[in-house]
Amino acid sequence: MLLIPCPWCEAERPELEFRYGGEAHVARAADPASVDDAQWAQFLFFRTNPRGLHAERWRHVAGCGRFFNCLRDTVSDRIVATYKAGEPRPDAGALATGGAS
């Protein structure tokens, strides 16, 4: 079981308290009505599936109820960092050298 640190509650809690919300930092079209079907399908259904560091969105449903982002290594399943929704993604190079949490 993963222990996920919620950046809002500032507590590390078991993954059963959270729900996965998909890939983080996916931008919706400013004017969805102007997007054709192929572009809309791309937005809805196609996501990256990297081997290694991946930015994900999570929600602390059994705690504060808020959304946050998480950098997780998909190979080791290790959570590298969590950060509040709306904050920029932390620099992966700084994380590798122990610069951020």
PDB file of N, CA and C in Angstrom:
ATOM      1  N   MET A   1       0.843  -1.184   0.000  1.00  0.00           N
ATOM      2  CA  MET A   1       0.000   0.000   0.000  1.00  0.00           C
ATOM      3  C   MET A   1       0.885   1.243   0.000  1.00  0.00           C
ATOM      4  N   LEU A   2       0.474   2.204  -0.821  1.00  0.00           N
ATOM      5  CA  LEU A   2       1.176   3.483  -0.865  1.00  0.00           C
ATOM      6  C   LEU A   2       0.781   4.339   0.333  1.00  0.00           C
ATOM      7  N   LEU A   3       1.746   5.078   0.842  1.00  0.00           N
ATOM      8  CA  LEU A   3       1.471   6.132   1.807  1.00  0.00           C
ATOM      9  C   LEU A   3       1.656   7.440   1.048  1.00  0.00           C
ATOM     10  N   ILE A   4       0.577   8.213   0.964  1.00  0.00           N
ATOM     11  CA  ILE A   4       0.577   9.428   0.154  1.00  0.00           C
ATOM     12  C   ILE A   4       0.537  10.636   1.081  1.00  0.00           C
ATOM     13  N   PRO A   5       1.519  11.534   0.946  1.00  0.00           N
ATOM     14  CA  PRO A   5       1.480  12.758   1.754  1.00  0.00           C
ATOM     15  C   PRO A   5       0.565  13.804   1.111  1.00  0.00           C
ATOM     16  N   CYS A   6      -0.494  14.172   1.817  1.00  0.00           N
ATOM     17  CA  CYS A   6      -1.409  15.199   1.316  1.00  0.00           C
ATOM     18  C   CYS A   6      -0.793  16.570   1.597  1.00  0.00           C
ATOM     19  N   PRO A   7      -0.577  17.390   0.553  1.00  0.00           N
ATOM     20  CA  PRO A   7       0.029  18.704   0.784  1.00  0.00           C
ATOM     21  C   PRO A   7      -0.911  19.684   1.491  1.00  0.00           C
ATOM     22  N   TRP A   8      -2.206  19.404   1.507  1.00  0.00           N
ATOM     23  CA  TRP A   8      -3.159  20.277   2.187  1.00  0.00           C
ATOM     24  C   TRP A   8      -3.265  19.929   3.668  1.00  0.00           C
ATOM     25  N   CYS A   9      -3.364  18.637   3.980  1.00  0.00           N
ATOM     26  CA  CYS A   9      -3.476  18.195   5.375  1.00  0.00           C
ATOM     27  C   CYS A   9      -2.110  18.105   6.053  1.00  0.00           C
ATOM     28  N   GLU A  10      -1.061  18.069   5.228  1.00  0.00           N
ATOM     29  CA  GLU A  10       0.310  17.901   5.707  1.00  0.00           C
ATOM     30  C   GLU A  10       0.446  16.631   6.548  1.00  0.00           C
ATOM     31  N   ALA A  11      -0.180  15.555   6.034  1.00  0.00           N
ATOM     32  CA  ALA A  11      -0.112  14.260   6.709  1.00  0.00           C
ATOM     33  C   ALA A  11       0.044  13.166   5.671  1.00  0.00           C
ATOM     34  N   GLU A  12       0.805  12.145   6.012  1.00  0.00           N
ATOM     35  CA  GLU A  12       0.974  10.981   5.146  1.00  0.00           C
ATOM     36  C   GLU A  12      -0.108   9.969   5.508  1.00  0.00           C
ATOM     37  N   ARG A  13      -0.943   9.616   4.537  1.00  0.00           N
ATOM     38  CA  ARG A  13      -2.089   8.748   4.778  1.00  0.00           C
ATOM     39  C   ARG A  13      -2.080   7.585   3.786  1.00  0.00           C
ATOM     40  N   PRO A  14      -2.758   6.461   4.125  1.00  0.00           N
ATOM     41  CA  PRO A  14      -2.808   5.313   3.208  1.00  0.00           C
ATOM     42  C   PRO A  14      -3.599   5.638   1.940  1.00  0.00           C
ATOM     43  N   GLU A  15      -3.200   5.001   0.854  1.00  0.00           N
ATOM     44  CA  GLU A  15      -3.810   5.280  -0.451  1.00  0.00           C
ATOM     45  C   GLU A  15      -5.311   5.040  -0.491  1.00  0.00           C
ATOM     46  N   LEU A  16      -5.866   4.257   0.412  1.00  0.00           N
ATOM     47  CA  LEU A  16      -7.306   3.999   0.442  1.00  0.00           C
ATOM     48  C   LEU A  16      -8.116   5.268   0.696  1.00  0.00           C
ATOM     49  N   GLU A  17      -7.481   6.299   1.236  1.00  0.00           N
ATOM     50  CA  GLU A  17      -8.155   7.573   1.488  1.00  0.00           C
ATOM     51  C   GLU A  17      -8.201   8.471   0.259  1.00  0.00           C
ATOM     52  N   PHE A  18      -7.569   8.058  -0.822  1.00  0.00           N
ATOM     53  CA  PHE A  18      -7.413   8.903  -2.000  1.00  0.00           C
ATOM     54  C   PHE A  18      -8.053   8.275  -3.219  1.00  0.00           C
ATOM     55  N   ARG A  19      -8.349   9.097  -4.216  1.00  0.00           N
ATOM     56  CA  ARG A  19      -8.815   8.624  -5.513  1.00  0.00           C
ATOM     57  C   ARG A  19      -7.939   9.240  -6.586  1.00  0.00           C
ATOM     58  N   TYR A  20      -7.556   8.399  -7.532  1.00  0.00           N
ATOM     59  CA  TYR A  20      -6.750   8.834  -8.666  1.00  0.00           C
ATOM     60  C   TYR A  20      -7.610   9.678  -9.585  1.00  0.00           C
ATOM     61  N   GLY A  21      -7.075  10.783 -10.062  1.00  0.00           N
ATOM     62  CA  GLY A  21      -7.845  11.688 -10.910  1.00  0.00           C
ATOM     63  C   GLY A  21      -7.277  11.871 -12.303  1.00  0.00           C
ATOM     64  N   GLY A  22      -6.333  11.022 -12.700  1.00  0.00           N
ATOM     65  CA  GLY A  22      -5.787  11.122 -14.044  1.00  0.00           C
ATOM     66  C   GLY A  22      -4.483  11.896 -14.099  1.00  0.00           C
ATOM     67  N   GLU A  23      -4.051  12.135 -15.312  1.00  0.00           N
ATOM     68  CA  GLU A  23      -2.792  12.843 -15.540  1.00  0.00           C
ATOM     69  C   GLU A  23      -2.936  14.311 -15.143  1.00  0.00           C
ATOM     70  N   ALA A  24      -1.936  14.844 -14.484  1.00  0.00           N
ATOM     71  CA  ALA A  24      -1.949  16.253 -14.074  1.00  0.00           C
ATOM     72  C   ALA A  24      -1.502  17.155 -15.217  1.00  0.00           C
ATOM     73  N   HIS A  25      -1.856  18.405 -15.113  1.00  0.00           N
ATOM     74  CA  HIS A  25      -1.422  19.456 -16.032  1.00  0.00           C
ATOM     75  C   HIS A  25      -1.918  19.254 -17.464  1.00  0.00           C
ATOM     76  N   VAL A  26      -3.107  18.671 -17.622  1.00  0.00           N
ATOM     77  CA  VAL A  26      -3.724  18.535 -18.943  1.00  0.00           C
ATOM     78  C   VAL A  26      -4.628  19.748 -19.130  1.00  0.00           C
ATOM     79  N   ALA A  27      -4.307  20.572 -20.099  1.00  0.00           N
ATOM     80  CA  ALA A  27      -5.039  21.828 -20.312  1.00  0.00           C
ATOM     81  C   ALA A  27      -6.240  21.615 -21.222  1.00  0.00           C
ATOM     82  N   ARG A  28      -7.374  22.093 -20.774  1.00  0.00           N
ATOM     83  CA  ARG A  28      -8.587  22.052 -21.573  1.00  0.00           C
ATOM     84  C   ARG A  28      -8.562  23.211 -22.567  1.00  0.00           C
ATOM     85  N   ALA A  29      -9.194  23.028 -23.703  1.00  0.00           N
ATOM     86  CA  ALA A  29      -9.257  24.088 -24.712  1.00  0.00           C
ATOM     87  C   ALA A  29      -9.964  25.318 -24.144  1.00  0.00           C
ATOM     88  N   ALA A  30      -9.470  26.501 -24.466  1.00  0.00           N
ATOM     89  CA  ALA A  30     -10.072  27.744 -23.974  1.00  0.00           C
ATOM     90  C   ALA A  30     -11.505  27.888 -24.475  1.00  0.00           C
ATOM     91  N   ASP A  31     -11.761  27.460 -25.716  1.00  0.00           N
ATOM     92  CA  ASP A  31     -13.098  27.503 -26.297  1.00  0.00           C
ATOM     93  C   ASP A  31     -13.435  26.112 -26.831  1.00  0.00           C
ATOM     94  N   PRO A  32     -13.998  25.237 -25.987  1.00  0.00           N
ATOM     95  CA  PRO A  32     -14.278  23.862 -26.417  1.00  0.00           C
ATOM     96  C   PRO A  32     -15.165  23.755 -27.654  1.00  0.00           C
ATOM     97  N   ALA A  33     -16.027  24.728 -27.877  1.00  0.00           N
ATOM     98  CA  ALA A  33     -16.917  24.686 -29.045  1.00  0.00           C
ATOM     99  C   ALA A  33     -16.151  24.834 -30.356  1.00  0.00           C
ATOM    100  N   SER A  34     -14.964  25.399 -30.312  1.00  0.00           N
ATOM    101  CA  SER A  34     -14.181  25.601 -31.531  1.00  0.00           C
ATOM    102  C   SER A  34     -13.268  24.417 -31.857  1.00  0.00           C
ATOM    103  N   VAL A  35     -13.281  23.398 -31.015  1.00  0.00           N
ATOM    104  CA  VAL A  35     -12.406  22.240 -31.208  1.00  0.00           C
ATOM    105  C   VAL A  35     -13.144  21.174 -32.013  1.00  0.00           C
ATOM    106  N   ASP A  36     -12.478  20.600 -33.009  1.00  0.00           N
ATOM    107  CA  ASP A  36     -13.128  19.558 -33.811  1.00  0.00           C
ATOM    108  C   ASP A  36     -13.151  18.226 -33.050  1.00  0.00           C
ATOM    109  N   ASP A  37     -13.862  17.253 -33.589  1.00  0.00           N
ATOM    110  CA  ASP A  37     -14.047  15.965 -32.908  1.00  0.00           C
ATOM    111  C   ASP A  37     -12.731  15.243 -32.640  1.00  0.00           C
ATOM    112  N   ALA A  38     -11.804  15.295 -33.593  1.00  0.00           N
ATOM    113  CA  ALA A  38     -10.520  14.604 -33.411  1.00  0.00           C
ATOM    114  C   ALA A  38      -9.723  15.230 -32.274  1.00  0.00           C
ATOM    115  N   GLN A  39      -9.718  16.569 -32.196  1.00  0.00           N
ATOM    116  CA  GLN A  39      -9.003  17.245 -31.109  1.00  0.00           C
ATOM    117  C   GLN A  39      -9.671  16.985 -29.766  1.00  0.00           C
ATOM    118  N   TRP A  40     -11.003  16.949 -29.734  1.00  0.00           N
ATOM    119  CA  TRP A  40     -11.735  16.681 -28.499  1.00  0.00           C
ATOM    120  C   TRP A  40     -11.465  15.244 -28.033  1.00  0.00           C
ATOM    121  N   ALA A  41     -11.455  14.297 -28.951  1.00  0.00           N
ATOM    122  CA  ALA A  41     -11.137  12.901 -28.619  1.00  0.00           C
ATOM    123  C   ALA A  41      -9.713  12.801 -28.072  1.00  0.00           C
ATOM    124  N   GLN A  42      -8.793  13.526 -28.669  1.00  0.00           N
ATOM    125  CA  GLN A  42      -7.407  13.549 -28.187  1.00  0.00           C
ATOM    126  C   GLN A  42      -7.362  14.032 -26.741  1.00  0.00           C
ATOM    127  N   PHE A  43      -8.107  15.096 -26.441  1.00  0.00           N
ATOM    128  CA  PHE A  43      -8.148  15.639 -25.078  1.00  0.00           C
ATOM    129  C   PHE A  43      -8.766  14.642 -24.095  1.00  0.00           C
ATOM    130  N   LEU A  44      -9.856  14.010 -24.487  1.00  0.00           N
ATOM    131  CA  LEU A  44     -10.573  13.120 -23.571  1.00  0.00           C
ATOM    132  C   LEU A  44      -9.890  11.783 -23.322  1.00  0.00           C
ATOM    133  N   PHE A  45      -9.327  11.184 -24.363  1.00  0.00           N
ATOM    134  CA  PHE A  45      -8.929   9.788 -24.261  1.00  0.00           C
ATOM    135  C   PHE A  45      -7.439   9.494 -24.322  1.00  0.00           C
ATOM    136  N   PHE A  46      -6.634  10.402 -24.810  1.00  0.00           N
ATOM    137  CA  PHE A  46      -5.222  10.099 -24.994  1.00  0.00           C
ATOM    138  C   PHE A  46      -4.376  10.790 -23.938  1.00  0.00           C
ATOM    139  N   ARG A  47      -3.589   9.990 -23.223  1.00  0.00           N
ATOM    140  CA  ARG A  47      -2.706  10.491 -22.182  1.00  0.00           C
ATOM    141  C   ARG A  47      -1.336   9.858 -22.362  1.00  0.00           C
ATOM    142  N   THR A  48      -0.345  10.489 -21.765  1.00  0.00           N
ATOM    143  CA  THR A  48       0.985   9.891 -21.800  1.00  0.00           C
ATOM    144  C   THR A  48       0.989   8.689 -20.862  1.00  0.00           C
ATOM    145  N   ASN A  49       1.867   7.778 -21.100  1.00  0.00           N
ATOM    146  CA  ASN A  49       1.995   6.596 -20.254  1.00  0.00           C
ATOM    147  C   ASN A  49       3.493   6.331 -20.076  1.00  0.00           C
ATOM    148  N   PRO A  50       4.179   7.244 -19.368  1.00  0.00           N
ATOM    149  CA  PRO A  50       5.636   7.160 -19.319  1.00  0.00           C
ATOM    150  C   PRO A  50       6.156   6.066 -18.400  1.00  0.00           C
ATOM    151  N   ARG A  51       7.325   5.646 -18.702  1.00  0.00           N
ATOM    152  CA  ARG A  51       8.072   4.774 -17.808  1.00  0.00           C
ATOM    153  C   ARG A  51       8.980   5.716 -17.028  1.00  0.00           C
ATOM    154  N   GLY A  52       8.728   5.852 -15.742  1.00  0.00           N
ATOM    155  CA  GLY A  52       9.499   6.775 -14.921  1.00  0.00           C
ATOM    156  C   GLY A  52       8.611   7.806 -14.264  1.00  0.00           C
ATOM    157  N   LEU A  53       9.113   9.013 -14.130  1.00  0.00           N
ATOM    158  CA  LEU A  53       8.411  10.074 -13.418  1.00  0.00           C
ATOM    159  C   LEU A  53       7.174  10.546 -14.181  1.00  0.00           C
ATOM    160  N   HIS A  54       6.052  10.589 -13.468  1.00  0.00           N
ATOM    161  CA  HIS A  54       4.774  10.936 -14.071  1.00  0.00           C
ATOM    162  C   HIS A  54       3.998  11.841 -13.119  1.00  0.00           C
ATOM    163  N   ALA A  55       3.446  12.950 -13.633  1.00  0.00           N
ATOM    164  CA  ALA A  55       2.632  13.862 -12.830  1.00  0.00           C
ATOM    165  C   ALA A  55       1.177  13.405 -12.873  1.00  0.00           C
ATOM    166  N   GLU A  56       0.605  13.184 -11.699  1.00  0.00           N
ATOM    167  CA  GLU A  56      -0.764  12.681 -11.580  1.00  0.00           C
ATOM    168  C   GLU A  56      -1.581  13.620 -10.704  1.00  0.00           C
ATOM    169  N   ARG A  57      -2.899  13.558 -10.877  1.00  0.00           N
ATOM    170  CA  ARG A  57      -3.819  14.311 -10.031  1.00  0.00           C
ATOM    171  C   ARG A  57      -4.494  13.320  -9.085  1.00  0.00           C
ATOM    172  N   TRP A  58      -4.583  13.679  -7.821  1.00  0.00           N
ATOM    173  CA  TRP A  58      -5.231  12.846  -6.811  1.00  0.00           C
ATOM    174  C   TRP A  58      -6.187  13.702  -5.993  1.00  0.00           C
ATOM    175  N   ARG A  59      -7.151  13.048  -5.342  1.00  0.00           N
ATOM    176  CA  ARG A  59      -8.082  13.735  -4.449  1.00  0.00           C
ATOM    177  C   ARG A  59      -8.109  13.005  -3.115  1.00  0.00           C
ATOM    178  N   HIS A  60      -7.996  13.750  -2.034  1.00  0.00           N
ATOM    179  CA  HIS A  60      -8.016  13.177  -0.681  1.00  0.00           C
ATOM    180  C   HIS A  60      -9.472  13.082  -0.225  1.00  0.00           C
ATOM    181  N   VAL A  61     -10.189  12.061  -0.702  1.00  0.00           N
ATOM    182  CA  VAL A  61     -11.631  11.959  -0.475  1.00  0.00           C
ATOM    183  C   VAL A  61     -11.991  11.672   0.982  1.00  0.00           C
ATOM    184  N   ALA A  62     -11.166  10.932   1.706  1.00  0.00           N
ATOM    185  CA  ALA A  62     -11.476  10.594   3.098  1.00  0.00           C
ATOM    186  C   ALA A  62     -10.808  11.552   4.076  1.00  0.00           C
ATOM    187  N   GLY A  63     -10.295  12.644   3.561  1.00  0.00           N
ATOM    188  CA  GLY A  63      -9.650  13.646   4.409  1.00  0.00           C
ATOM    189  C   GLY A  63     -10.212  15.015   4.091  1.00  0.00           C
ATOM    190  N   CYS A  64      -9.370  15.889   3.564  1.00  0.00           N
ATOM    191  CA  CYS A  64      -9.769  17.270   3.293  1.00  0.00           C
ATOM    192  C   CYS A  64     -10.648  17.410   2.051  1.00  0.00           C
ATOM    193  N   GLY A  65     -10.672  16.392   1.185  1.00  0.00           N
ATOM    194  CA  GLY A  65     -11.499  16.435  -0.023  1.00  0.00           C
ATOM    195  C   GLY A  65     -10.911  17.234  -1.170  1.00  0.00           C
ATOM    196  N   ARG A  66      -9.694  17.703  -1.013  1.00  0.00           N
ATOM    197  CA  ARG A  66      -9.095  18.582  -2.019  1.00  0.00           C
ATOM    198  C   ARG A  66      -8.252  17.807  -3.032  1.00  0.00           C
ATOM    199  N   PHE A  67      -8.133  18.410  -4.214  1.00  0.00           N
ATOM    200  CA  PHE A  67      -7.276  17.858  -5.259  1.00  0.00           C
ATOM    201  C   PHE A  67      -5.850  18.353  -5.068  1.00  0.00           C
ATOM    202  N   PHE A  68      -4.909  17.516  -5.458  1.00  0.00           N
ATOM    203  CA  PHE A  68      -3.499  17.898  -5.459  1.00  0.00           C
ATOM    204  C   PHE A  68      -2.801  17.095  -6.533  1.00  0.00           C
ATOM    205  N   ASN A  69      -1.565  17.459  -6.813  1.00  0.00           N
ATOM    206  CA  ASN A  69      -0.776  16.753  -7.811  1.00  0.00           C
ATOM    207  C   ASN A  69       0.321  15.953  -7.133  1.00  0.00           C
ATOM    208  N   CYS A  70       0.749  14.918  -7.814  1.00  0.00           N
ATOM    209  CA  CYS A  70       1.718  13.987  -7.263  1.00  0.00           C
ATOM    210  C   CYS A  70       2.697  13.587  -8.366  1.00  0.00           C
ATOM    211  N   LEU A  71       3.982  13.604  -8.057  1.00  0.00           N
ATOM    212  CA  LEU A  71       4.977  13.053  -8.975  1.00  0.00           C
ATOM    213  C   LEU A  71       5.302  11.659  -8.482  1.00  0.00           C
ATOM    214  N   ARG A  72       4.997  10.665  -9.319  1.00  0.00           N
ATOM    215  CA  ARG A  72       5.199   9.274  -8.931  1.00  0.00           C
ATOM    216  C   ARG A  72       6.041   8.582  -9.987  1.00  0.00           C
ATOM    217  N   ASP A  73       6.978   7.765  -9.533  1.00  0.00           N
ATOM    218  CA  ASP A  73       7.794   6.960 -10.437  1.00  0.00           C
ATOM    219  C   ASP A  73       6.993   5.708 -10.777  1.00  0.00           C
ATOM    220  N   THR A  74       6.641   5.537 -12.039  1.00  0.00           N
ATOM    221  CA  THR A  74       5.798   4.410 -12.437  1.00  0.00           C
ATOM    222  C   THR A  74       6.532   3.077 -12.427  1.00  0.00           C
ATOM    223  N   VAL A  75       7.848   3.109 -12.363  1.00  0.00           N
ATOM    224  CA  VAL A  75       8.622   1.866 -12.313  1.00  0.00           C
ATOM    225  C   VAL A  75       8.674   1.331 -10.881  1.00  0.00           C
ATOM    226  N   SER A  76       9.034   2.196  -9.946  1.00  0.00           N
ATOM    227  CA  SER A  76       9.181   1.765  -8.550  1.00  0.00           C
ATOM    228  C   SER A  76       7.923   2.011  -7.722  1.00  0.00           C
ATOM    229  N   ASP A  77       6.954   2.764  -8.241  1.00  0.00           N
ATOM    230  CA  ASP A  77       5.736   3.173  -7.551  1.00  0.00           C
ATOM    231  C   ASP A  77       6.036   4.115  -6.378  1.00  0.00           C
ATOM    232  N   ARG A  78       7.225   4.698  -6.364  1.00  0.00           N
ATOM    233  CA  ARG A  78       7.625   5.609  -5.293  1.00  0.00           C
ATOM    234  C   ARG A  78       7.077   6.996  -5.571  1.00  0.00           C
ATOM    235  N   ILE A  79       6.507   7.609  -4.549  1.00  0.00           N
ATOM    236  CA  ILE A  79       6.026   8.979  -4.667  1.00  0.00           C
ATOM    237  C   ILE A  79       7.195   9.903  -4.376  1.00  0.00           C
ATOM    238  N   VAL A  80       7.529  10.725  -5.355  1.00  0.00           N
ATOM    239  CA  VAL A  80       8.679  11.612  -5.270  1.00  0.00           C
ATOM    240  C   VAL A  80       8.293  12.929  -4.614  1.00  0.00           C
ATOM    241  N   ALA A  81       7.117  13.465  -4.953  1.00  0.00           N
ATOM    242  CA  ALA A  81       6.667  14.740  -4.396  1.00  0.00           C
ATOM    243  C   ALA A  81       5.160  14.879  -4.570  1.00  0.00           C
ATOM    244  N   THR A  82       4.539  15.617  -3.666  1.00  0.00           N
ATOM    245  CA  THR A  82       3.151  16.038  -3.831  1.00  0.00           C
ATOM    246  C   THR A  82       3.123  17.555  -3.706  1.00  0.00           C
ATOM    247  N   TYR A  83       2.185  18.175  -4.424  1.00  0.00           N
ATOM    248  CA  TYR A  83       2.086  19.630  -4.399  1.00  0.00           C
ATOM    249  C   TYR A  83       0.650  20.034  -4.701  1.00  0.00           C
ATOM    250  N   LYS A  84       0.256  21.183  -4.212  1.00  0.00           N
ATOM    251  CA  LYS A  84      -1.118  21.650  -4.324  1.00  0.00           C
ATOM    252  C   LYS A  84      -1.497  21.919  -5.781  1.00  0.00           C
ATOM    253  N   ALA A  85      -2.758  21.662  -6.096  1.00  0.00           N
ATOM    254  CA  ALA A  85      -3.279  21.959  -7.432  1.00  0.00           C
ATOM    255  C   ALA A  85      -3.094  23.443  -7.707  1.00  0.00           C
ATOM    256  N   GLY A  86      -2.662  23.764  -8.908  1.00  0.00           N
ATOM    257  CA  GLY A  86      -2.418  25.140  -9.280  1.00  0.00           C
ATOM    258  C   GLY A  86      -0.962  25.549  -9.147  1.00  0.00           C
ATOM    259  N   GLU A  87      -0.192  24.791  -8.364  1.00  0.00           N
ATOM    260  CA  GLU A  87       1.240  25.069  -8.241  1.00  0.00           C
ATOM    261  C   GLU A  87       1.955  24.442  -9.427  1.00  0.00           C
ATOM    262  N   PRO A  88       3.079  25.024  -9.843  1.00  0.00           N
ATOM    263  CA  PRO A  88       3.833  24.428 -10.958  1.00  0.00           C
ATOM    264  C   PRO A  88       4.462  23.097 -10.560  1.00  0.00           C
ATOM    265  N   ARG A  89       4.680  22.278 -11.559  1.00  0.00           N
ATOM    266  CA  ARG A  89       5.331  20.988 -11.326  1.00  0.00           C
ATOM    267  C   ARG A  89       6.760  21.208 -10.832  1.00  0.00           C
ATOM    268  N   PRO A  90       7.161  20.523  -9.756  1.00  0.00           N
ATOM    269  CA  PRO A  90       8.534  20.678  -9.265  1.00  0.00           C
ATOM    270  C   PRO A  90       9.557  20.207 -10.297  1.00  0.00           C
ATOM    271  N   ASP A  91      10.734  20.777 -10.244  1.00  0.00           N
ATOM    272  CA  ASP A  91      11.821  20.420 -11.141  1.00  0.00           C
ATOM    273  C   ASP A  91      12.338  19.025 -10.802  1.00  0.00           C
ATOM    274  N   ALA A  92      12.300  18.117 -11.759  1.00  0.00           N
ATOM    275  CA  ALA A  92      12.743  16.734 -11.533  1.00  0.00           C
ATOM    276  C   ALA A  92      14.227  16.671 -11.197  1.00  0.00           C
ATOM    277  N   GLY A  93      15.030  17.552 -11.771  1.00  0.00           N
ATOM    278  CA  GLY A  93      16.460  17.581 -11.473  1.00  0.00           C
ATOM    279  C   GLY A  93      16.724  17.945 -10.030  1.00  0.00           C
ATOM    280  N   ALA A  94      15.993  18.925  -9.507  1.00  0.00           N
ATOM    281  CA  ALA A  94      16.137  19.327  -8.100  1.00  0.00           C
ATOM    282  C   ALA A  94      15.699  18.211  -7.157  1.00  0.00           C
ATOM    283  N   LEU A  95      14.655  17.488  -7.566  1.00  0.00           N
ATOM    284  CA  LEU A  95      14.172  16.387  -6.730  1.00  0.00           C
ATOM    285  C   LEU A  95      15.205  15.269  -6.658  1.00  0.00           C
ATOM    286  N   ALA A  96      15.874  15.014  -7.770  1.00  0.00           N
ATOM    287  CA  ALA A  96      16.902  13.953  -7.806  1.00  0.00           C
ATOM    288  C   ALA A  96      18.064  14.259  -6.880  1.00  0.00           C
ATOM    289  N   THR A  97      18.332  15.560  -6.702  1.00  0.00           N
ATOM    290  CA  THR A  97      19.446  15.949  -5.832  1.00  0.00           C
ATOM    291  C   THR A  97      18.985  16.288  -4.422  1.00  0.00           C
ATOM    292  N   GLY A  98      17.695  16.078  -4.156  1.00  0.00           N
ATOM    293  CA  GLY A  98      17.168  16.320  -2.812  1.00  0.00           C
ATOM    294  C   GLY A  98      16.774  17.748  -2.542  1.00  0.00           C
ATOM    295  N   GLY A  99      16.459  18.529  -3.599  1.00  0.00           N
ATOM    296  CA  GLY A  99      16.146  19.935  -3.431  1.00  0.00           C
ATOM    297  C   GLY A  99      14.732  20.244  -2.968  1.00  0.00           C
ATOM    298  N   ALA A 100      13.740  19.424  -3.310  1.00  0.00           N
ATOM    299  CA  ALA A 100      12.343  19.716  -2.942  1.00  0.00           C
ATOM    300  C   ALA A 100      11.685  18.468  -2.421  1.00  0.00           C
ATOM    301  N   SER A 101      10.508  18.651  -1.756  1.00  0.00           N
ATOM    302  CA  SER A 101       9.748  17.486  -1.273  1.00  0.00           C
ATOM    303  C   SER A 101       8.305  17.569  -1.702  1.00  0.00           C
TER     304      SER A 101
END
